[in-house]
Amino acid sequence: MKNPFKKIIQNEELPASLKKKVLDDVEIVKLSLDLADLFAIKYPNSLEELFKIVSRSNKN
């Protein structure tokens, strides 16, 4: 697959709408990664810590 960005002339400015679309797409990817991190890593870790605390308090 050829790199489509090499077709763009180096001195040529990209249209503002294209820049905005690319930046919006990057933001969506970042948001998706943050949500995945929240629900796949942080939430289970929080539950694990909560259960450890509860089990320790039940033993005492």
C-alpha atoms as a PDB file:
ATOM      1  CA  MET A   1       0.000   0.000   0.000  1.00  0.00           C
ATOM      2  CA  LYS A   2       1.433   3.332  -1.028  1.00  0.00           C
ATOM      3  CA  ASN A   3       1.603   6.255   1.358  1.00  0.00           C
ATOM      4  CA  PRO A   4      -1.073   8.757   0.212  1.00  0.00           C
ATOM      5  CA  PHE A   5       0.635  11.595   2.073  1.00  0.00           C
ATOM      6  CA  LYS A   6       3.582  11.448  -0.323  1.00  0.00           C
ATOM      7  CA  LYS A   7       1.235  12.659  -3.076  1.00  0.00           C
ATOM      8  CA  ILE A   8       0.802  15.980  -1.257  1.00  0.00           C
ATOM      9  CA  ILE A   9       3.228  18.662  -2.333  1.00  0.00           C
ATOM     10  CA  GLN A  10       5.469  19.526   0.611  1.00  0.00           C
ATOM     11  CA  ASN A  11       4.881  23.279   0.380  1.00  0.00           C
ATOM     12  CA  GLU A  12       1.138  22.920  -0.037  1.00  0.00           C
ATOM     13  CA  GLU A  13      -1.119  23.598   2.953  1.00  0.00           C
ATOM     14  CA  LEU A  14      -3.812  21.108   3.779  1.00  0.00           C
ATOM     15  CA  PRO A  15      -7.384  22.359   3.878  1.00  0.00           C
ATOM     16  CA  ALA A  16      -8.558  23.324   7.355  1.00  0.00           C
ATOM     17  CA  SER A  17     -11.466  20.884   7.101  1.00  0.00           C
ATOM     18  CA  LEU A  18      -9.075  17.987   6.487  1.00  0.00           C
ATOM     19  CA  LYS A  19      -6.878  19.016   9.407  1.00  0.00           C
ATOM     20  CA  LYS A  20      -9.953  19.217  11.644  1.00  0.00           C
ATOM     21  CA  LYS A  21     -11.159  15.782  10.533  1.00  0.00           C
ATOM     22  CA  VAL A  22      -7.780  14.185  11.219  1.00  0.00           C
ATOM     23  CA  LEU A  23      -7.513  15.820  14.646  1.00  0.00           C
ATOM     24  CA  ASP A  24     -11.085  14.805  15.487  1.00  0.00           C
ATOM     25  CA  ASP A  25     -10.295  11.216  14.506  1.00  0.00           C
ATOM     26  CA  VAL A  26      -7.202  11.261  16.714  1.00  0.00           C
ATOM     27  CA  GLU A  27      -9.284  12.572  19.620  1.00  0.00           C
ATOM     28  CA  ILE A  28     -11.832   9.775  19.114  1.00  0.00           C
ATOM     29  CA  VAL A  29      -9.043   7.190  19.214  1.00  0.00           C
ATOM     30  CA  LYS A  30      -7.641   8.755  22.398  1.00  0.00           C
ATOM     31  CA  LEU A  31     -11.086   8.748  24.003  1.00  0.00           C
ATOM     32  CA  SER A  32     -11.621   5.118  23.020  1.00  0.00           C
ATOM     33  CA  LEU A  33      -8.292   4.142  24.551  1.00  0.00           C
ATOM     34  CA  ASP A  34      -9.098   6.044  27.745  1.00  0.00           C
ATOM     35  CA  LEU A  35     -12.483   4.340  28.029  1.00  0.00           C
ATOM     36  CA  ALA A  36     -10.953   0.930  27.392  1.00  0.00           C
ATOM     37  CA  ASP A  37      -8.325   1.636  30.055  1.00  0.00           C
ATOM     38  CA  LEU A  38     -11.000   2.753  32.496  1.00  0.00           C
ATOM     39  CA  PHE A  39     -13.254  -0.273  32.106  1.00  0.00           C
ATOM     40  CA  ALA A  40     -10.652  -2.952  31.367  1.00  0.00           C
ATOM     41  CA  ILE A  41      -7.891  -1.961  33.812  1.00  0.00           C
ATOM     42  CA  LYS A  42      -8.844   0.649  36.389  1.00  0.00           C
ATOM     43  CA  TYR A  43     -12.363  -0.515  37.246  1.00  0.00           C
ATOM     44  CA  PRO A  44     -11.355  -4.163  37.862  1.00  0.00           C
ATOM     45  CA  ASN A  45      -8.341  -3.007  39.888  1.00  0.00           C
ATOM     46  CA  SER A  46     -10.617  -0.818  42.003  1.00  0.00           C
ATOM     47  CA  LEU A  47     -12.976  -3.718  42.615  1.00  0.00           C
ATOM     48  CA  GLU A  48     -10.066  -5.959  43.555  1.00  0.00           C
ATOM     49  CA  GLU A  49      -8.816  -3.417  46.101  1.00  0.00           C
ATOM     50  CA  LEU A  50     -12.330  -2.975  47.485  1.00  0.00           C
ATOM     51  CA  PHE A  51     -12.752  -6.725  47.953  1.00  0.00           C
ATOM     52  CA  LYS A  52      -9.363  -6.946  49.670  1.00  0.00           C
ATOM     53  CA  ILE A  53     -10.348  -4.185  52.090  1.00  0.00           C
ATOM     54  CA  VAL A  54     -13.726  -5.785  52.798  1.00  0.00           C
ATOM     55  CA  SER A  55     -12.202  -9.223  53.360  1.00  0.00           C
ATOM     56  CA  ARG A  56      -9.583  -7.760  55.723  1.00  0.00           C
ATOM     57  CA  SER A  57     -12.260  -5.947  57.711  1.00  0.00           C
ATOM     58  CA  ASN A  58     -14.361  -9.125  57.930  1.00  0.00           C
ATOM     59  CA  LYS A  59     -11.398 -11.065  59.337  1.00  0.00           C
ATOM     60  CA  ASN A  60     -10.939  -8.528  62.162  1.00  0.00           C
END
